[in-house]
C-alpha atoms as a PDB file:
ATOM      1  CA  MET A   1     -59.673 162.245 -52.069  1.00  0.00           C
ATOM      2  CA  SER A   2     -56.755 161.942 -54.485  1.00  0.00           C
ATOM      3  CA  THR A   3     -56.156 159.119 -56.942  1.00  0.00           C
ATOM      4  CA  ARG A   4     -53.050 158.144 -55.057  1.00  0.00           C
ATOM      5  CA  THR A   5     -54.953 157.930 -51.785  1.00  0.00           C
ATOM      6  CA  GLY A   6     -57.673 155.913 -53.508  1.00  0.00           C
ATOM      7  CA  LYS A   7     -55.100 153.382 -54.715  1.00  0.00           C
ATOM      8  CA  LEU A   8     -53.619 153.098 -51.261  1.00  0.00           C
ATOM      9  CA  ASP A   9     -57.036 152.497 -49.790  1.00  0.00           C
ATOM     10  CA  VAL A  10     -57.830 149.807 -52.383  1.00  0.00           C
ATOM     11  CA  ASN A  11     -54.434 148.132 -51.832  1.00  0.00           C
ATOM     12  CA  PHE A  12     -54.942 148.314 -48.089  1.00  0.00           C
ATOM     13  CA  LEU A  13     -58.415 146.779 -48.369  1.00  0.00           C
ATOM     14  CA  LEU A  14     -57.148 144.000 -50.672  1.00  0.00           C
ATOM     15  CA  THR A  15     -54.284 143.225 -48.290  1.00  0.00           C
ATOM     16  CA  LEU A  16     -56.666 143.239 -45.343  1.00  0.00           C
ATOM     17  CA  MET A  17     -59.111 140.914 -47.117  1.00  0.00           C
ATOM     18  CA  LEU A  18     -56.396 138.473 -48.248  1.00  0.00           C
ATOM     19  CA  GLY A  19     -54.837 138.464 -44.786  1.00  0.00           C
ATOM     20  CA  SER A  20     -58.218 137.834 -43.168  1.00  0.00           C
ATOM     21  CA  ALA A  21     -58.968 134.992 -45.599  1.00  0.00           C
ATOM     22  CA  ALA A  22     -55.595 133.366 -44.875  1.00  0.00           C
ATOM     23  CA  LEU A  23     -56.137 133.778 -41.135  1.00  0.00           C
ATOM     24  CA  LEU A  24     -59.624 132.273 -41.308  1.00  0.00           C
ATOM     25  CA  ALA A  25     -58.385 129.365 -43.453  1.00  0.00           C
ATOM     26  CA  GLY A  26     -55.649 128.703 -40.900  1.00  0.00           C
ATOM     27  CA  CYS A  27     -58.197 128.761 -38.068  1.00  0.00           C
ATOM     28  CA  ALA A  28     -60.498 126.384 -39.895  1.00  0.00           C
ATOM     29  CA  GLN A  29     -57.604 124.016 -40.592  1.00  0.00           C
ATOM     30  CA  GLY A  30     -56.525 124.113 -36.946  1.00  0.00           C
ATOM     31  CA  MET A  31     -60.077 123.390 -35.828  1.00  0.00           C
ATOM     32  CA  ASP A  32     -60.045 120.060 -37.713  1.00  0.00           C
ATOM     33  CA  GLN A  33     -57.012 118.973 -35.689  1.00  0.00           C
ATOM     34  CA  VAL A  34     -58.641 119.567 -32.311  1.00  0.00           C
ATOM     35  CA  PRO A  35     -61.029 116.758 -31.336  1.00  0.00           C
ATOM     36  CA  PRO A  36     -64.435 117.907 -30.110  1.00  0.00           C
ATOM     37  CA  SER A  37     -65.094 117.811 -26.391  1.00  0.00           C
ATOM     38  CA  GLY A  38     -65.949 114.273 -25.229  1.00  0.00           C
ATOM     39  CA  ALA A  39     -64.552 112.665 -28.409  1.00  0.00           C
ATOM     40  CA  VAL A  40     -64.073 108.903 -28.226  1.00  0.00           C
ATOM     41  CA  GLN A  41     -60.477 107.734 -28.289  1.00  0.00           C
ATOM     42  CA  PRO A  42     -59.478 104.909 -30.665  1.00  0.00           C
ATOM     43  CA  VAL A  43     -59.349 101.305 -29.503  1.00  0.00           C
ATOM     44  CA  ALA A  44     -55.933 100.541 -28.009  1.00  0.00           C
ATOM     45  CA  MET A  45     -54.291  97.671 -26.178  1.00  0.00           C
ATOM     46  CA  THR A  46     -51.251  96.672 -24.155  1.00  0.00           C
ATOM     47  CA  VAL A  47     -49.812  93.136 -24.297  1.00  0.00           C
ATOM     48  CA  THR A  48     -48.056  91.553 -21.320  1.00  0.00           C
ATOM     49  CA  LEU A  49     -46.168  88.274 -21.713  1.00  0.00           C
ATOM     50  CA  CYS A  50     -45.100  86.029 -18.855  1.00  0.00           C
ATOM     51  CA  ASP A  51     -44.212  82.504 -17.771  1.00  0.00           C
ATOM     52  CA  SER A  52     -47.656  81.473 -16.535  1.00  0.00           C
ATOM     53  CA  SER A  53     -46.164  78.823 -14.230  1.00  0.00           C
ATOM     54  CA  GLU A  54     -44.479  81.546 -12.134  1.00  0.00           C
ATOM     55  CA  GLN A  55     -46.243  82.886  -9.071  1.00  0.00           C
ATOM     56  CA  GLY A  56     -47.753  86.242 -10.066  1.00  0.00           C
ATOM     57  CA  CYS A  57     -46.803  85.808 -13.746  1.00  0.00           C
ATOM     58  CA  SER A  58     -44.190  88.605 -13.906  1.00  0.00           C
ATOM     59  CA  ALA A  59     -43.913  90.367 -17.263  1.00  0.00           C
ATOM     60  CA  ALA A  60     -40.912  89.398 -19.401  1.00  0.00           C
ATOM     61  CA  THR A  61     -39.617  89.655 -22.969  1.00  0.00           C
ATOM     62  CA  SER A  62     -37.299  86.619 -23.003  1.00  0.00           C
ATOM     63  CA  PHE A  63     -38.050  83.000 -22.036  1.00  0.00           C
ATOM     64  CA  ASN A  64     -35.672  80.035 -21.662  1.00  0.00           C
ATOM     65  CA  LEU A  65     -37.101  76.957 -23.380  1.00  0.00           C
ATOM     66  CA  GLY A  66     -35.285  74.665 -20.892  1.00  0.00           C
ATOM     67  CA  THR A  67     -37.221  75.998 -17.906  1.00  0.00           C
ATOM     68  CA  PHE A  68     -40.325  77.426 -19.521  1.00  0.00           C
ATOM     69  CA  ARG A  69     -43.765  75.787 -19.527  1.00  0.00           C
ATOM     70  CA  ASP A  70     -46.596  78.012 -20.791  1.00  0.00           C
ATOM     71  CA  LEU A  71     -46.703  81.488 -22.310  1.00  0.00           C
ATOM     72  CA  GLY A  72     -49.194  83.711 -20.515  1.00  0.00           C
ATOM     73  CA  VAL A  73     -50.580  86.430 -22.785  1.00  0.00           C
ATOM     74  CA  GLY A  74     -52.496  89.266 -21.153  1.00  0.00           C
ATOM     75  CA  VAL A  75     -54.196  91.877 -23.331  1.00  0.00           C
ATOM     76  CA  ASP A  76     -55.450  95.016 -21.595  1.00  0.00           C
ATOM     77  CA  TRP A  77     -57.864  96.809 -23.903  1.00  0.00           C
ATOM     78  CA  LYS A  78     -58.896 100.482 -23.823  1.00  0.00           C
ATOM     79  CA  ASN A  79     -61.875 102.230 -25.427  1.00  0.00           C
ATOM     80  CA  VAL A  80     -63.621  99.081 -26.670  1.00  0.00           C
ATOM     81  CA  PRO A  81     -67.168 100.009 -27.828  1.00  0.00           C
ATOM     82  CA  GLY A  82     -70.316  98.118 -26.860  1.00  0.00           C
ATOM     83  CA  GLY A  83     -71.081  94.811 -28.544  1.00  0.00           C
ATOM     84  CA  THR A  84     -69.692  91.297 -28.869  1.00  0.00           C
ATOM     85  CA  HIS A  85     -66.020  91.162 -29.841  1.00  0.00           C
ATOM     86  CA  THR A  86     -63.450  88.527 -30.739  1.00  0.00           C
ATOM     87  CA  GLN A  87     -59.808  88.903 -29.794  1.00  0.00           C
ATOM     88  CA  GLN A  88     -57.375  86.773 -31.777  1.00  0.00           C
ATOM     89  CA  ILE A  89     -53.772  86.198 -30.772  1.00  0.00           C
ATOM     90  CA  ALA A  90     -51.426  84.857 -33.441  1.00  0.00           C
ATOM     91  CA  LEU A  91     -48.119  83.386 -32.259  1.00  0.00           C
ATOM     92  CA  VAL A  92     -45.729  84.039 -35.170  1.00  0.00           C
ATOM     93  CA  GLN A  93     -42.428  82.179 -35.598  1.00  0.00           C
ATOM     94  CA  PRO A  94     -39.147  83.967 -36.370  1.00  0.00           C
ATOM     95  CA  ASN A  95     -39.555  82.999 -40.064  1.00  0.00           C
ATOM     96  CA  GLY A  96     -42.911  84.847 -40.231  1.00  0.00           C
ATOM     97  CA  VAL A  97     -45.134  81.744 -40.299  1.00  0.00           C
ATOM     98  CA  VAL A  98     -48.063  81.661 -37.868  1.00  0.00           C
ATOM     99  CA  TYR A  99     -47.460  78.844 -35.371  1.00  0.00           C
ATOM    100  CA  GLN A 100     -50.775  79.013 -33.511  1.00  0.00           C
ATOM    101  CA  THR A 101     -53.811  81.258 -33.054  1.00  0.00           C
ATOM    102  CA  VAL A 102     -55.999  81.607 -29.985  1.00  0.00           C
ATOM    103  CA  SER A 103     -59.423  83.289 -30.132  1.00  0.00           C
ATOM    104  CA  HIS A 104     -61.334  84.670 -27.189  1.00  0.00           C
ATOM    105  CA  SER A 105     -64.794  86.278 -27.375  1.00  0.00           C
ATOM    106  CA  PHE A 106     -66.057  88.872 -24.908  1.00  0.00           C
ATOM    107  CA  GLY A 107     -68.860  91.388 -24.612  1.00  0.00           C
ATOM    108  CA  VAL A 108     -69.158  95.053 -23.708  1.00  0.00           C
ATOM    109  CA  GLU A 109     -72.489  96.572 -22.693  1.00  0.00           C
ATOM    110  CA  ASP A 110     -74.186  98.370 -25.611  1.00  0.00           C
ATOM    111  CA  GLY A 111     -73.773 102.139 -25.560  1.00  0.00           C
ATOM    112  CA  LYS A 112     -70.717 101.911 -23.309  1.00  0.00           C
ATOM    113  CA  PHE A 113     -66.948 101.840 -23.743  1.00  0.00           C
ATOM    114  CA  ALA A 114     -64.872  99.464 -21.658  1.00  0.00           C
ATOM    115  CA  ALA A 115     -61.336  98.380 -20.813  1.00  0.00           C
ATOM    116  CA  PRO A 116     -61.523  94.583 -20.553  1.00  0.00           C
ATOM    117  CA  ALA A 117     -58.488  92.476 -19.651  1.00  0.00           C
ATOM    118  CA  ILE A 118     -58.288  89.152 -21.522  1.00  0.00           C
ATOM    119  CA  ASN A 119     -55.790  86.484 -20.422  1.00  0.00           C
ATOM    120  CA  ASP A 120     -54.855  83.392 -22.409  1.00  0.00           C
ATOM    121  CA  VAL A 121     -52.248  80.651 -22.025  1.00  0.00           C
ATOM    122  CA  ILE A 122     -50.312  79.102 -24.915  1.00  0.00           C
ATOM    123  CA  PRO A 123     -48.583  75.786 -24.089  1.00  0.00           C
ATOM    124  CA  VAL A 124     -44.877  75.648 -24.978  1.00  0.00           C
ATOM    125  CA  ALA A 125     -43.238  72.779 -23.027  1.00  0.00           C
ATOM    126  CA  GLY A 126     -43.453  69.482 -24.942  1.00  0.00           C
ATOM    127  CA  THR A 127     -44.554  71.182 -28.179  1.00  0.00           C
ATOM    128  CA  PHE A 128     -42.847  71.614 -31.553  1.00  0.00           C
ATOM    129  CA  ILE A 129     -41.237  74.783 -30.113  1.00  0.00           C
ATOM    130  CA  THR A 130     -39.221  72.922 -27.456  1.00  0.00           C
ATOM    131  CA  GLN A 131     -38.812  69.677 -29.410  1.00  0.00           C
ATOM    132  CA  ARG A 132     -37.150  71.565 -32.291  1.00  0.00           C
ATOM    133  CA  SER A 133     -35.494  74.265 -30.125  1.00  0.00           C
ATOM    134  CA  GLN A 134     -37.262  77.048 -32.003  1.00  0.00           C
ATOM    135  CA  THR A 135     -35.296  79.936 -30.511  1.00  0.00           C
ATOM    136  CA  GLY A 136     -35.185  83.510 -31.773  1.00  0.00           C
ATOM    137  CA  GLU A 137     -37.465  86.514 -32.006  1.00  0.00           C
ATOM    138  CA  TRP A 138     -41.139  85.559 -32.004  1.00  0.00           C
ATOM    139  CA  THR A 139     -44.120  87.890 -32.378  1.00  0.00           C
ATOM    140  CA  ILE A 140     -47.556  88.088 -30.820  1.00  0.00           C
ATOM    141  CA  ASP A 141     -49.992  89.708 -33.297  1.00  0.00           C
ATOM    142  CA  VAL A 142     -53.247  90.837 -31.678  1.00  0.00           C
ATOM    143  CA  SER A 143     -56.464  91.433 -33.645  1.00  0.00           C
ATOM    144  CA  LEU A 144     -59.883  92.636 -32.576  1.00  0.00           C
ATOM    145  CA  ASP A 145     -62.841  91.628 -34.736  1.00  0.00           C
ATOM    146  CA  GLY A 146     -60.522  90.700 -37.617  1.00  0.00           C
ATOM    147  CA  GLN A 147     -58.530  93.949 -37.573  1.00  0.00           C
ATOM    148  CA  SER A 148     -54.879  93.886 -36.466  1.00  0.00           C
ATOM    149  CA  VAL A 149     -54.392  96.236 -33.510  1.00  0.00           C
ATOM    150  CA  GLY A 150     -50.731  95.674 -32.640  1.00  0.00           C
ATOM    151  CA  THR A 151     -47.816  93.347 -32.102  1.00  0.00           C
ATOM    152  CA  ARG A 152     -45.376  92.432 -29.350  1.00  0.00           C
ATOM    153  CA  LYS A 153     -41.930  90.906 -29.941  1.00  0.00           C
ATOM    154  CA  PHE A 154     -40.222  88.503 -27.534  1.00  0.00           C
ATOM    155  CA  GLN A 155     -37.412  85.927 -27.431  1.00  0.00           C
ATOM    156  CA  PHE A 156     -37.281  82.185 -26.890  1.00  0.00           C
ATOM    157  CA  THR A 157     -33.732  81.231 -25.814  1.00  0.00           C
ATOM    158  CA  GLU A 158     -31.904  78.045 -24.791  1.00  0.00           C
END
């Protein structure tokens, strides 16, 4: 075996080892991104707003204060773990100040995950909102066990 051939073999082996290390590092990194089979999904929710005085409470994003009575707030949860939980809905004015909060406790069987649907009603007719014509973009901020999970924007109009 010549010296030149020996150098080529060493260079080839070094290249092969470095390439294999990079490939293995890439595989290991990719493995972290793939959730294991049967992994639990994070808690999630969907908020539906409606005029609760309407038959069927059809979902909407804009409400006329002249004809509106009560805001129906439906929260459909997903992947809620077992235990006792507290949902809190904060009704936030266009200026960012919390107008009202509504809390609702519920339970999920231990060792299970559930998708409970929690419905609440927030009175609007005859309140500060209609008396002062508080129109504009309002926000519903939903928390579960003290942790904010998401928001939903909507309009009060005249």
